[in-house]
Amino acid sequence: MKNTIGLDVIGFLKIYNPQTGEVFLNKKNAIHYENMSDALALTLSNRGTGTIYQMAFGNGAASVDATGIITYLPPNVTGQNANLYNQTYAKIVDDTLISNNSPSTNKMIVSHEAGKIYTDVLIQCLLDYGEPGGQDAFDNGTNLESSFVFDEIGILANYGTDTEGNVITKLLTHVIFHPIQKSLNRQIQIDYTIRIQTLTNMLTI
């Protein structure tokens, strides 16, 4: 009989207005376990890929009917080429990259407490007043299919570049929620935590 170690990854996020403290969303997300396992192996073996790169936003995961009932699609967490249903915006959150033009507000923080069997990666992303370009002036829009009325967020890993120099990405997590509008009159802060936890005392024969 020998001891083995299992590994679990969970994610949860909070979306809020950093100026007023208003919380728009606080929930867990879905993990793409195939891509996550691949990314963890690549980073542990120092292959230069598999690292967290972007937070992506989309508007294709929920629909609202005339009576206000919201219908949600399932998270895309199967298949290596899984992606958001309709990605409309993305921000680099790897604060070690020179291509990140706001590393103080779009960044990652690794947190571990001695003696605990988990480590947290806090991914922070700020959608400032002036971004994205083309958004409505006020958060009272009625067109829920607008590019910047978000209902899905994903964390994307960096898998190098293609022959044209474009970054290749893979989806690590996917969360779907009620539509939230980004407009010029407010900031939106996303605190997205990925917790990596070992499961001890598992026995095999």
N, C-alpha and C. Protein backbone atom coordinates (compact mmCIF):
# COMPACT_ATOMS: atom_id res chain seq x y z
N MET A 1 0.85 -1.19 0.00
CA MET A 1 0.00 0.00 0.00
C MET A 1 0.88 1.24 0.00
N LYS A 2 0.51 2.24 -0.76
CA LYS A 2 1.31 3.46 -0.82
C LYS A 2 0.40 4.68 -0.79
N ASN A 3 0.95 5.77 -0.31
CA ASN A 3 0.21 7.02 -0.28
C ASN A 3 0.28 7.69 -1.65
N THR A 4 -0.80 8.28 -2.07
CA THR A 4 -0.82 9.08 -3.29
C THR A 4 -1.38 10.46 -2.98
N ILE A 5 -1.13 11.39 -3.86
CA ILE A 5 -1.61 12.75 -3.69
C ILE A 5 -2.54 13.09 -4.84
N GLY A 6 -3.73 13.53 -4.52
CA GLY A 6 -4.64 14.02 -5.53
C GLY A 6 -4.55 15.53 -5.63
N LEU A 7 -5.08 16.07 -6.70
CA LEU A 7 -5.02 17.51 -6.93
C LEU A 7 -6.39 18.01 -7.35
N ASP A 8 -6.82 19.09 -6.73
CA ASP A 8 -8.10 19.69 -7.08
C ASP A 8 -7.88 21.17 -7.38
N VAL A 9 -8.61 21.68 -8.35
CA VAL A 9 -8.54 23.10 -8.70
C VAL A 9 -9.96 23.64 -8.66
N ILE A 10 -10.16 24.70 -7.90
CA ILE A 10 -11.46 25.35 -7.85
C ILE A 10 -11.27 26.84 -8.14
N GLY A 11 -12.33 27.48 -8.61
CA GLY A 11 -12.23 28.90 -8.92
C GLY A 11 -13.48 29.64 -8.48
N PHE A 12 -13.30 30.87 -8.10
CA PHE A 12 -14.43 31.72 -7.75
C PHE A 12 -14.05 33.17 -8.03
N LEU A 13 -15.05 33.98 -8.31
CA LEU A 13 -14.76 35.36 -8.66
C LEU A 13 -15.78 36.31 -8.07
N LYS A 14 -15.33 37.56 -7.95
CA LYS A 14 -16.16 38.65 -7.47
C LYS A 14 -16.04 39.78 -8.47
N ILE A 15 -17.18 40.29 -8.92
CA ILE A 15 -17.22 41.43 -9.83
C ILE A 15 -17.91 42.57 -9.09
N TYR A 16 -17.25 43.74 -9.03
CA TYR A 16 -17.79 44.84 -8.25
C TYR A 16 -17.30 46.18 -8.76
N ASN A 17 -17.95 47.24 -8.30
CA ASN A 17 -17.53 48.61 -8.60
C ASN A 17 -16.59 49.05 -7.50
N PRO A 18 -15.30 49.28 -7.80
CA PRO A 18 -14.34 49.62 -6.74
C PRO A 18 -14.58 51.00 -6.13
N GLN A 19 -15.35 51.85 -6.80
CA GLN A 19 -15.62 53.18 -6.28
C GLN A 19 -16.77 53.18 -5.28
N THR A 20 -17.81 52.42 -5.58
CA THR A 20 -19.00 52.42 -4.71
C THR A 20 -19.08 51.19 -3.81
N GLY A 21 -18.34 50.13 -4.17
CA GLY A 21 -18.43 48.89 -3.41
C GLY A 21 -19.58 48.00 -3.83
N GLU A 22 -20.38 48.43 -4.81
CA GLU A 22 -21.50 47.61 -5.26
C GLU A 22 -21.01 46.30 -5.87
N VAL A 23 -21.53 45.19 -5.40
CA VAL A 23 -21.14 43.87 -5.89
C VAL A 23 -22.14 43.41 -6.95
N PHE A 24 -21.64 43.12 -8.14
CA PHE A 24 -22.49 42.65 -9.24
C PHE A 24 -22.60 41.13 -9.27
N LEU A 25 -21.54 40.45 -8.81
CA LEU A 25 -21.53 38.98 -8.90
C LEU A 25 -20.51 38.43 -7.92
N ASN A 26 -20.85 37.29 -7.32
CA ASN A 26 -19.93 36.59 -6.43
C ASN A 26 -20.28 35.10 -6.54
N LYS A 27 -19.50 34.34 -7.29
CA LYS A 27 -19.86 32.93 -7.51
C LYS A 27 -18.64 32.10 -7.90
N LYS A 28 -18.83 30.79 -7.91
CA LYS A 28 -17.79 29.87 -8.36
C LYS A 28 -17.84 29.75 -9.88
N ASN A 29 -16.75 29.23 -10.46
CA ASN A 29 -16.70 29.03 -11.90
C ASN A 29 -16.46 27.55 -12.21
N ALA A 30 -16.44 27.26 -13.51
CA ALA A 30 -16.16 25.90 -13.96
C ALA A 30 -14.70 25.82 -14.44
N ILE A 31 -14.06 24.70 -14.16
CA ILE A 31 -12.67 24.47 -14.55
C ILE A 31 -12.63 23.57 -15.78
N HIS A 32 -11.80 23.94 -16.73
CA HIS A 32 -11.53 23.06 -17.87
C HIS A 32 -10.37 22.15 -17.45
N TYR A 33 -10.70 20.97 -16.93
CA TYR A 33 -9.70 20.15 -16.28
C TYR A 33 -8.63 19.62 -17.24
N GLU A 34 -8.99 19.34 -18.47
CA GLU A 34 -7.98 18.85 -19.42
C GLU A 34 -6.94 19.94 -19.69
N ASN A 35 -7.40 21.14 -20.04
CA ASN A 35 -6.46 22.22 -20.31
C ASN A 35 -5.70 22.64 -19.06
N MET A 36 -6.36 22.61 -17.90
CA MET A 36 -5.69 22.98 -16.66
C MET A 36 -4.57 22.01 -16.32
N SER A 37 -4.82 20.70 -16.49
CA SER A 37 -3.78 19.72 -16.19
C SER A 37 -2.59 19.87 -17.12
N ASP A 38 -2.88 20.16 -18.39
CA ASP A 38 -1.82 20.38 -19.37
C ASP A 38 -1.01 21.62 -19.01
N ALA A 39 -1.70 22.71 -18.64
CA ALA A 39 -1.01 23.95 -18.29
C ALA A 39 -0.15 23.78 -17.04
N LEU A 40 -0.65 23.05 -16.04
CA LEU A 40 0.13 22.83 -14.82
C LEU A 40 1.40 22.03 -15.12
N ALA A 41 1.27 21.00 -15.95
CA ALA A 41 2.44 20.19 -16.30
C ALA A 41 3.47 21.01 -17.07
N LEU A 42 3.01 21.84 -17.99
CA LEU A 42 3.93 22.66 -18.78
C LEU A 42 4.66 23.68 -17.92
N THR A 43 3.95 24.30 -16.98
CA THR A 43 4.62 25.29 -16.14
C THR A 43 5.56 24.64 -15.14
N LEU A 44 5.18 23.48 -14.59
CA LEU A 44 6.05 22.78 -13.65
C LEU A 44 7.35 22.31 -14.31
N SER A 45 7.24 21.97 -15.60
CA SER A 45 8.43 21.49 -16.32
C SER A 45 9.16 22.63 -17.04
N ASN A 46 8.76 23.87 -16.78
CA ASN A 46 9.45 25.06 -17.30
C ASN A 46 9.56 25.04 -18.82
N ARG A 47 8.43 24.79 -19.48
CA ARG A 47 8.41 24.73 -20.94
C ARG A 47 8.10 26.09 -21.58
N GLY A 48 7.84 27.09 -20.76
CA GLY A 48 7.62 28.42 -21.31
C GLY A 48 6.22 28.69 -21.80
N THR A 49 5.31 27.73 -21.68
CA THR A 49 3.92 27.91 -22.07
C THR A 49 3.02 27.38 -20.97
N GLY A 50 1.72 27.63 -21.12
CA GLY A 50 0.77 27.15 -20.13
C GLY A 50 0.50 28.15 -19.02
N THR A 51 1.15 29.31 -19.06
CA THR A 51 0.97 30.30 -18.00
C THR A 51 -0.30 31.12 -18.24
N ILE A 52 -0.89 31.60 -17.16
CA ILE A 52 -2.08 32.46 -17.26
C ILE A 52 -1.70 33.73 -17.99
N TYR A 53 -2.54 34.12 -18.97
CA TYR A 53 -2.20 35.22 -19.85
C TYR A 53 -3.26 36.31 -19.89
N GLN A 54 -4.50 35.94 -20.15
CA GLN A 54 -5.56 36.93 -20.33
C GLN A 54 -6.81 36.57 -19.53
N MET A 55 -7.58 37.63 -19.22
CA MET A 55 -8.95 37.46 -18.79
C MET A 55 -9.82 37.90 -19.97
N ALA A 56 -10.68 37.00 -20.43
CA ALA A 56 -11.49 37.27 -21.62
C ALA A 56 -12.95 37.45 -21.22
N PHE A 57 -13.64 38.34 -21.94
CA PHE A 57 -15.03 38.68 -21.67
C PHE A 57 -15.87 38.41 -22.91
N GLY A 58 -17.10 37.95 -22.69
CA GLY A 58 -17.98 37.67 -23.83
C GLY A 58 -19.43 37.95 -23.50
N ASN A 59 -20.28 37.83 -24.53
CA ASN A 59 -21.70 38.13 -24.35
C ASN A 59 -22.60 37.07 -24.99
N GLY A 60 -22.09 35.83 -25.12
CA GLY A 60 -22.87 34.82 -25.82
C GLY A 60 -23.38 33.68 -24.98
N ALA A 61 -23.35 33.82 -23.64
CA ALA A 61 -23.67 32.67 -22.79
C ALA A 61 -25.02 32.74 -22.11
N ALA A 62 -25.70 33.88 -22.19
CA ALA A 62 -27.01 34.01 -21.54
C ALA A 62 -27.95 34.80 -22.44
N SER A 63 -29.22 34.49 -22.34
CA SER A 63 -30.23 35.22 -23.10
C SER A 63 -31.38 35.56 -22.17
N VAL A 64 -32.01 36.70 -22.44
CA VAL A 64 -33.12 37.18 -21.61
C VAL A 64 -34.36 37.31 -22.49
N ASP A 65 -35.47 36.66 -22.11
CA ASP A 65 -36.69 36.74 -22.92
C ASP A 65 -37.50 37.98 -22.55
N ALA A 66 -38.63 38.14 -23.19
CA ALA A 66 -39.44 39.35 -23.01
C ALA A 66 -39.97 39.50 -21.59
N THR A 67 -40.07 38.39 -20.85
CA THR A 67 -40.57 38.46 -19.48
C THR A 67 -39.46 38.62 -18.45
N GLY A 68 -38.20 38.68 -18.93
CA GLY A 68 -37.07 38.86 -18.03
C GLY A 68 -36.44 37.58 -17.53
N ILE A 69 -36.90 36.44 -18.03
CA ILE A 69 -36.31 35.16 -17.62
C ILE A 69 -34.99 34.95 -18.36
N ILE A 70 -33.97 34.61 -17.59
CA ILE A 70 -32.63 34.43 -18.16
C ILE A 70 -32.37 32.94 -18.38
N THR A 71 -31.89 32.60 -19.57
CA THR A 71 -31.51 31.23 -19.89
C THR A 71 -30.00 31.19 -20.07
N TYR A 72 -29.35 30.25 -19.38
CA TYR A 72 -27.90 30.16 -19.40
C TYR A 72 -27.44 28.94 -20.19
N LEU A 73 -26.41 29.11 -21.00
CA LEU A 73 -25.77 27.97 -21.66
C LEU A 73 -24.80 27.33 -20.69
N PRO A 74 -24.42 26.04 -20.89
CA PRO A 74 -23.46 25.39 -20.01
C PRO A 74 -22.05 25.92 -20.26
N PRO A 75 -21.19 25.90 -19.24
CA PRO A 75 -19.80 26.34 -19.44
C PRO A 75 -19.08 25.45 -20.46
N ASN A 76 -18.20 26.05 -21.24
CA ASN A 76 -17.40 25.31 -22.22
C ASN A 76 -16.14 24.78 -21.54
N VAL A 77 -16.19 23.54 -21.11
CA VAL A 77 -15.04 22.97 -20.39
C VAL A 77 -14.67 21.60 -20.94
N THR A 78 -15.00 21.34 -22.19
CA THR A 78 -14.66 20.07 -22.84
C THR A 78 -14.02 20.36 -24.19
N GLY A 79 -12.92 19.65 -24.47
CA GLY A 79 -12.22 19.82 -25.73
C GLY A 79 -11.12 20.87 -25.62
N GLN A 80 -9.94 20.55 -26.15
CA GLN A 80 -8.81 21.47 -26.01
C GLN A 80 -9.04 22.81 -26.68
N ASN A 81 -9.91 22.86 -27.68
CA ASN A 81 -10.16 24.12 -28.39
C ASN A 81 -11.38 24.86 -27.87
N ALA A 82 -11.85 24.50 -26.70
CA ALA A 82 -13.00 25.19 -26.12
C ALA A 82 -12.69 26.67 -25.95
N ASN A 83 -13.73 27.49 -26.06
CA ASN A 83 -13.55 28.93 -25.91
C ASN A 83 -14.83 29.54 -25.37
N LEU A 84 -14.82 30.86 -25.15
CA LEU A 84 -16.04 31.54 -24.80
C LEU A 84 -17.03 31.42 -25.96
N TYR A 85 -18.31 31.56 -25.65
CA TYR A 85 -19.31 31.48 -26.71
C TYR A 85 -19.16 32.62 -27.70
N ASN A 86 -18.90 33.81 -27.19
CA ASN A 86 -18.71 34.96 -28.08
C ASN A 86 -17.81 35.98 -27.38
N GLN A 87 -16.50 35.80 -27.53
CA GLN A 87 -15.55 36.70 -26.89
C GLN A 87 -15.59 38.06 -27.58
N THR A 88 -15.74 39.13 -26.77
CA THR A 88 -15.79 40.48 -27.32
C THR A 88 -14.68 41.38 -26.80
N TYR A 89 -13.98 40.93 -25.76
CA TYR A 89 -12.93 41.77 -25.18
C TYR A 89 -12.00 40.89 -24.35
N ALA A 90 -10.76 41.34 -24.16
CA ALA A 90 -9.81 40.61 -23.33
C ALA A 90 -8.74 41.57 -22.84
N LYS A 91 -8.20 41.28 -21.66
CA LYS A 91 -7.11 42.07 -21.11
C LYS A 91 -6.01 41.15 -20.63
N ILE A 92 -4.77 41.54 -20.86
CA ILE A 92 -3.63 40.79 -20.37
C ILE A 92 -3.55 40.98 -18.85
N VAL A 93 -3.41 39.87 -18.12
CA VAL A 93 -3.32 39.94 -16.66
C VAL A 93 -1.99 39.40 -16.14
N ASP A 94 -1.10 39.01 -17.05
CA ASP A 94 0.26 38.61 -16.66
C ASP A 94 1.07 39.88 -16.48
N ASP A 95 1.32 40.25 -15.22
CA ASP A 95 1.99 41.52 -14.94
C ASP A 95 3.50 41.47 -15.17
N THR A 96 4.04 40.34 -15.63
CA THR A 96 5.46 40.26 -15.96
C THR A 96 5.73 40.60 -17.42
N LEU A 97 4.68 40.78 -18.22
CA LEU A 97 4.83 41.01 -19.65
C LEU A 97 4.85 42.51 -19.96
N ILE A 98 5.73 42.92 -20.87
CA ILE A 98 5.78 44.32 -21.27
C ILE A 98 4.56 44.70 -22.09
N SER A 99 3.86 43.72 -22.64
CA SER A 99 2.64 43.97 -23.40
C SER A 99 1.46 44.31 -22.49
N ASN A 100 1.60 44.12 -21.18
CA ASN A 100 0.58 44.52 -20.21
C ASN A 100 0.81 45.99 -19.90
N ASN A 101 -0.09 46.85 -20.40
CA ASN A 101 0.11 48.29 -20.22
C ASN A 101 -0.42 48.82 -18.90
N SER A 102 -1.00 47.96 -18.08
CA SER A 102 -1.48 48.40 -16.75
C SER A 102 -1.18 47.32 -15.72
N PRO A 103 0.11 47.00 -15.49
CA PRO A 103 0.45 45.88 -14.59
C PRO A 103 0.09 46.12 -13.13
N SER A 104 -0.18 47.37 -12.75
CA SER A 104 -0.53 47.63 -11.36
C SER A 104 -1.99 47.29 -11.06
N THR A 105 -2.83 47.25 -12.10
CA THR A 105 -4.25 46.95 -11.88
C THR A 105 -4.70 45.67 -12.57
N ASN A 106 -3.88 45.15 -13.48
CA ASN A 106 -4.17 43.88 -14.17
C ASN A 106 -3.01 42.95 -13.88
N LYS A 107 -3.19 42.10 -12.88
CA LYS A 107 -2.04 41.39 -12.33
C LYS A 107 -2.46 40.10 -11.65
N MET A 108 -1.45 39.35 -11.21
CA MET A 108 -1.68 38.13 -10.44
C MET A 108 -0.91 38.18 -9.13
N ILE A 109 -1.53 37.63 -8.10
CA ILE A 109 -0.90 37.55 -6.77
C ILE A 109 -0.99 36.11 -6.31
N VAL A 110 0.14 35.50 -6.00
CA VAL A 110 0.16 34.13 -5.48
C VAL A 110 0.19 34.20 -3.96
N SER A 111 -0.72 33.48 -3.32
CA SER A 111 -0.85 33.54 -1.87
C SER A 111 -0.83 32.13 -1.28
N HIS A 112 0.07 31.91 -0.35
CA HIS A 112 0.14 30.61 0.34
C HIS A 112 0.43 30.84 1.81
N GLU A 113 -0.31 30.13 2.65
CA GLU A 113 -0.12 30.20 4.10
C GLU A 113 0.57 28.92 4.57
N ALA A 114 1.65 29.08 5.31
CA ALA A 114 2.42 27.92 5.78
C ALA A 114 1.53 26.92 6.50
N GLY A 115 1.68 25.66 6.15
CA GLY A 115 0.92 24.60 6.77
C GLY A 115 -0.38 24.25 6.06
N LYS A 116 -0.82 25.09 5.14
CA LYS A 116 -2.04 24.82 4.40
C LYS A 116 -1.73 23.98 3.17
N ILE A 117 -2.73 23.22 2.68
CA ILE A 117 -2.50 22.33 1.53
C ILE A 117 -3.04 22.94 0.24
N TYR A 118 -3.24 24.24 0.24
CA TYR A 118 -3.69 24.91 -0.98
C TYR A 118 -2.92 26.21 -1.17
N THR A 119 -2.89 26.65 -2.42
CA THR A 119 -2.30 27.93 -2.79
C THR A 119 -3.26 28.64 -3.73
N ASP A 120 -3.43 29.94 -3.51
CA ASP A 120 -4.36 30.73 -4.32
C ASP A 120 -3.60 31.58 -5.33
N VAL A 121 -4.15 31.65 -6.53
CA VAL A 121 -3.70 32.62 -7.52
C VAL A 121 -4.84 33.61 -7.69
N LEU A 122 -4.63 34.84 -7.23
CA LEU A 122 -5.62 35.89 -7.37
C LEU A 122 -5.32 36.67 -8.65
N ILE A 123 -6.25 36.65 -9.57
CA ILE A 123 -6.11 37.35 -10.85
C ILE A 123 -7.00 38.58 -10.79
N GLN A 124 -6.39 39.75 -10.86
CA GLN A 124 -7.14 40.99 -10.76
C GLN A 124 -7.16 41.71 -12.10
N CYS A 125 -8.33 42.21 -12.46
CA CYS A 125 -8.50 42.93 -13.73
C CYS A 125 -9.43 44.11 -13.50
N LEU A 126 -9.01 45.29 -13.94
CA LEU A 126 -9.83 46.48 -13.82
C LEU A 126 -10.25 46.97 -15.19
N LEU A 127 -11.56 47.08 -15.39
CA LEU A 127 -12.09 47.74 -16.58
C LEU A 127 -12.35 49.18 -16.20
N ASP A 128 -11.47 50.06 -16.65
CA ASP A 128 -11.52 51.46 -16.24
C ASP A 128 -12.63 52.21 -16.96
N TYR A 129 -12.81 53.46 -16.60
CA TYR A 129 -13.92 54.25 -17.15
C TYR A 129 -13.91 54.25 -18.68
N GLY A 130 -12.74 54.46 -19.29
CA GLY A 130 -12.66 54.64 -20.73
C GLY A 130 -12.53 53.37 -21.53
N GLU A 131 -12.65 52.22 -20.90
CA GLU A 131 -12.49 50.97 -21.65
C GLU A 131 -13.64 50.01 -21.34
N PRO A 132 -13.98 49.21 -22.33
CA PRO A 132 -13.50 49.15 -23.72
C PRO A 132 -13.99 50.34 -24.55
N GLY A 133 -13.28 50.62 -25.64
CA GLY A 133 -13.72 51.65 -26.54
C GLY A 133 -15.02 51.26 -27.22
N GLY A 134 -15.93 52.22 -27.37
CA GLY A 134 -17.21 51.95 -28.02
C GLY A 134 -18.33 51.60 -27.08
N GLN A 135 -18.08 51.63 -25.76
CA GLN A 135 -19.13 51.31 -24.80
C GLN A 135 -20.14 52.46 -24.68
N ASP A 136 -21.30 52.15 -24.10
CA ASP A 136 -22.32 53.17 -23.87
C ASP A 136 -21.86 54.13 -22.78
N ALA A 137 -22.47 55.32 -22.77
CA ALA A 137 -22.10 56.34 -21.79
C ALA A 137 -22.60 55.99 -20.39
N PHE A 138 -23.79 55.37 -20.30
CA PHE A 138 -24.39 55.08 -19.00
C PHE A 138 -24.82 53.62 -18.91
N ASP A 139 -24.93 53.12 -17.68
CA ASP A 139 -25.25 51.71 -17.44
C ASP A 139 -26.75 51.47 -17.40
N ASN A 140 -27.45 52.06 -18.35
CA ASN A 140 -28.90 51.86 -18.42
C ASN A 140 -29.31 51.35 -19.79
N GLY A 141 -28.37 50.66 -20.47
CA GLY A 141 -28.65 50.14 -21.80
C GLY A 141 -29.72 49.07 -21.78
N THR A 142 -30.49 49.03 -22.84
CA THR A 142 -31.55 48.01 -22.96
C THR A 142 -31.19 46.91 -23.94
N ASN A 143 -30.10 47.10 -24.70
CA ASN A 143 -29.66 46.09 -25.66
C ASN A 143 -28.72 45.12 -24.96
N LEU A 144 -29.26 43.99 -24.52
CA LEU A 144 -28.46 43.03 -23.77
C LEU A 144 -27.53 42.22 -24.67
N GLU A 145 -27.60 42.44 -25.98
CA GLU A 145 -26.68 41.77 -26.89
C GLU A 145 -25.53 42.67 -27.30
N SER A 146 -25.42 43.83 -26.65
CA SER A 146 -24.30 44.73 -26.90
C SER A 146 -22.98 44.04 -26.59
N SER A 147 -21.93 44.42 -27.30
CA SER A 147 -20.63 43.77 -27.13
C SER A 147 -20.09 43.90 -25.71
N PHE A 148 -20.52 44.92 -24.98
CA PHE A 148 -19.96 45.15 -23.66
C PHE A 148 -20.98 45.00 -22.55
N VAL A 149 -22.03 44.21 -22.82
CA VAL A 149 -22.89 43.68 -21.77
C VAL A 149 -22.46 42.24 -21.58
N PHE A 150 -21.58 42.03 -20.62
CA PHE A 150 -20.91 40.74 -20.48
C PHE A 150 -21.76 39.74 -19.70
N ASP A 151 -21.71 38.46 -20.13
CA ASP A 151 -22.36 37.39 -19.37
C ASP A 151 -21.47 36.15 -19.27
N GLU A 152 -20.20 36.29 -19.63
CA GLU A 152 -19.25 35.18 -19.49
C GLU A 152 -17.83 35.74 -19.39
N ILE A 153 -17.02 35.06 -18.58
CA ILE A 153 -15.61 35.40 -18.41
C ILE A 153 -14.81 34.11 -18.42
N GLY A 154 -13.64 34.15 -19.03
CA GLY A 154 -12.74 33.00 -19.03
C GLY A 154 -11.32 33.43 -18.75
N ILE A 155 -10.55 32.53 -18.17
CA ILE A 155 -9.11 32.74 -18.00
C ILE A 155 -8.40 31.94 -19.08
N LEU A 156 -7.52 32.61 -19.82
CA LEU A 156 -6.82 32.00 -20.95
C LEU A 156 -5.34 31.84 -20.64
N ALA A 157 -4.80 30.69 -21.05
CA ALA A 157 -3.37 30.42 -20.89
C ALA A 157 -2.63 30.72 -22.18
N ASN A 158 -1.37 31.10 -22.05
CA ASN A 158 -0.50 31.43 -23.18
C ASN A 158 0.18 30.15 -23.68
N TYR A 159 -0.02 29.85 -24.96
CA TYR A 159 0.59 28.67 -25.57
C TYR A 159 1.51 29.06 -26.73
N GLY A 160 2.23 30.17 -26.55
CA GLY A 160 3.18 30.59 -27.57
C GLY A 160 2.51 31.40 -28.67
N THR A 161 3.18 31.52 -29.80
CA THR A 161 2.65 32.32 -30.91
C THR A 161 2.59 31.50 -32.19
N ASP A 162 1.70 31.92 -33.09
CA ASP A 162 1.60 31.26 -34.38
C ASP A 162 2.60 31.88 -35.36
N THR A 163 2.54 31.48 -36.61
CA THR A 163 3.53 31.94 -37.59
C THR A 163 3.41 33.44 -37.87
N GLU A 164 2.28 34.03 -37.53
CA GLU A 164 2.09 35.46 -37.74
C GLU A 164 2.34 36.28 -36.48
N GLY A 165 2.79 35.61 -35.43
CA GLY A 165 3.11 36.31 -34.19
C GLY A 165 1.94 36.52 -33.25
N ASN A 166 0.79 35.92 -33.55
CA ASN A 166 -0.38 36.04 -32.67
C ASN A 166 -0.29 35.04 -31.53
N VAL A 167 -0.66 35.45 -30.35
CA VAL A 167 -0.59 34.57 -29.18
C VAL A 167 -1.66 33.49 -29.28
N ILE A 168 -1.25 32.24 -29.09
CA ILE A 168 -2.16 31.11 -29.06
C ILE A 168 -2.64 30.93 -27.62
N THR A 169 -3.93 30.80 -27.42
CA THR A 169 -4.46 30.67 -26.07
C THR A 169 -5.33 29.43 -25.93
N LYS A 170 -5.45 28.96 -24.70
CA LYS A 170 -6.38 27.88 -24.36
C LYS A 170 -7.15 28.27 -23.12
N LEU A 171 -8.43 27.85 -23.11
CA LEU A 171 -9.33 28.20 -22.01
C LEU A 171 -9.07 27.32 -20.79
N LEU A 172 -8.84 27.97 -19.63
CA LEU A 172 -8.62 27.24 -18.38
C LEU A 172 -9.86 27.21 -17.50
N THR A 173 -10.62 28.29 -17.51
CA THR A 173 -11.83 28.37 -16.69
C THR A 173 -12.91 29.10 -17.47
N HIS A 174 -14.15 28.90 -17.06
CA HIS A 174 -15.28 29.56 -17.74
C HIS A 174 -16.38 29.77 -16.71
N VAL A 175 -16.85 30.98 -16.60
CA VAL A 175 -17.96 31.29 -15.70
C VAL A 175 -19.03 32.03 -16.48
N ILE A 176 -20.28 31.68 -16.22
CA ILE A 176 -21.43 32.25 -16.92
C ILE A 176 -22.35 32.89 -15.88
N PHE A 177 -22.89 34.07 -16.20
CA PHE A 177 -23.66 34.81 -15.20
C PHE A 177 -24.68 35.72 -15.89
N HIS A 178 -25.51 36.38 -15.09
CA HIS A 178 -26.49 37.31 -15.63
C HIS A 178 -25.77 38.49 -16.28
N PRO A 179 -26.36 39.11 -17.31
CA PRO A 179 -25.68 40.18 -18.03
C PRO A 179 -25.30 41.36 -17.13
N ILE A 180 -24.05 41.83 -17.29
CA ILE A 180 -23.53 42.98 -16.56
C ILE A 180 -22.96 43.96 -17.58
N GLN A 181 -23.46 45.18 -17.55
CA GLN A 181 -23.03 46.17 -18.54
C GLN A 181 -21.82 46.96 -18.07
N LYS A 182 -20.82 47.06 -18.96
CA LYS A 182 -19.70 47.97 -18.74
C LYS A 182 -19.98 49.24 -19.53
N SER A 183 -19.96 50.38 -18.84
CA SER A 183 -20.26 51.66 -19.46
C SER A 183 -19.26 52.70 -18.97
N LEU A 184 -19.26 53.86 -19.64
CA LEU A 184 -18.29 54.91 -19.35
C LEU A 184 -18.40 55.47 -17.94
N ASN A 185 -19.57 55.36 -17.33
CA ASN A 185 -19.78 56.02 -16.05
C ASN A 185 -19.36 55.19 -14.84
N ARG A 186 -18.79 54.01 -15.07
CA ARG A 186 -18.36 53.23 -13.91
C ARG A 186 -17.19 52.31 -14.24
N GLN A 187 -16.40 52.07 -13.20
CA GLN A 187 -15.35 51.06 -13.29
C GLN A 187 -15.92 49.71 -12.88
N ILE A 188 -15.32 48.66 -13.39
CA ILE A 188 -15.66 47.31 -12.95
C ILE A 188 -14.37 46.58 -12.60
N GLN A 189 -14.34 46.05 -11.40
CA GLN A 189 -13.18 45.29 -10.90
C GLN A 189 -13.54 43.82 -10.84
N ILE A 190 -12.65 42.97 -11.34
CA ILE A 190 -12.84 41.52 -11.25
C ILE A 190 -11.71 40.93 -10.44
N ASP A 191 -12.05 40.28 -9.34
CA ASP A 191 -11.10 39.51 -8.54
C ASP A 191 -11.41 38.04 -8.76
N TYR A 192 -10.53 37.36 -9.46
CA TYR A 192 -10.77 35.98 -9.91
C TYR A 192 -9.73 35.09 -9.23
N THR A 193 -10.17 34.22 -8.36
CA THR A 193 -9.26 33.35 -7.60
C THR A 193 -9.29 31.93 -8.13
N ILE A 194 -8.12 31.38 -8.40
CA ILE A 194 -7.98 29.97 -8.72
C ILE A 194 -7.22 29.32 -7.58
N ARG A 195 -7.86 28.38 -6.92
CA ARG A 195 -7.24 27.70 -5.77
C ARG A 195 -6.78 26.31 -6.19
N ILE A 196 -5.50 26.04 -5.98
CA ILE A 196 -4.90 24.74 -6.30
C ILE A 196 -4.66 24.02 -4.97
N GLN A 197 -5.30 22.87 -4.82
CA GLN A 197 -5.31 22.19 -3.53
C GLN A 197 -4.92 20.73 -3.69
N THR A 198 -4.02 20.28 -2.84
CA THR A 198 -3.65 18.87 -2.84
C THR A 198 -4.60 18.11 -1.92
N LEU A 199 -4.92 16.89 -2.31
CA LEU A 199 -5.79 16.03 -1.53
C LEU A 199 -4.95 14.90 -0.97
N THR A 200 -4.68 14.93 0.30
CA THR A 200 -3.77 13.97 0.92
C THR A 200 -4.53 12.79 1.50
N ASN A 201 -3.77 11.82 2.00
CA ASN A 201 -4.30 10.62 2.64
C ASN A 201 -5.12 9.75 1.71
N MET A 202 -4.83 9.84 0.42
CA MET A 202 -5.46 8.93 -0.53
C MET A 202 -4.57 7.69 -0.63
N LEU A 203 -5.16 6.52 -0.49
CA LEU A 203 -4.40 5.29 -0.47
C LEU A 203 -4.70 4.43 -1.68
N THR A 204 -3.66 3.82 -2.22
CA THR A 204 -3.82 2.85 -3.30
C THR A 204 -3.08 1.59 -2.92
N ILE A 205 -3.49 0.49 -3.50
CA ILE A 205 -2.84 -0.79 -3.20
C ILE A 205 -1.94 -1.16 -4.39
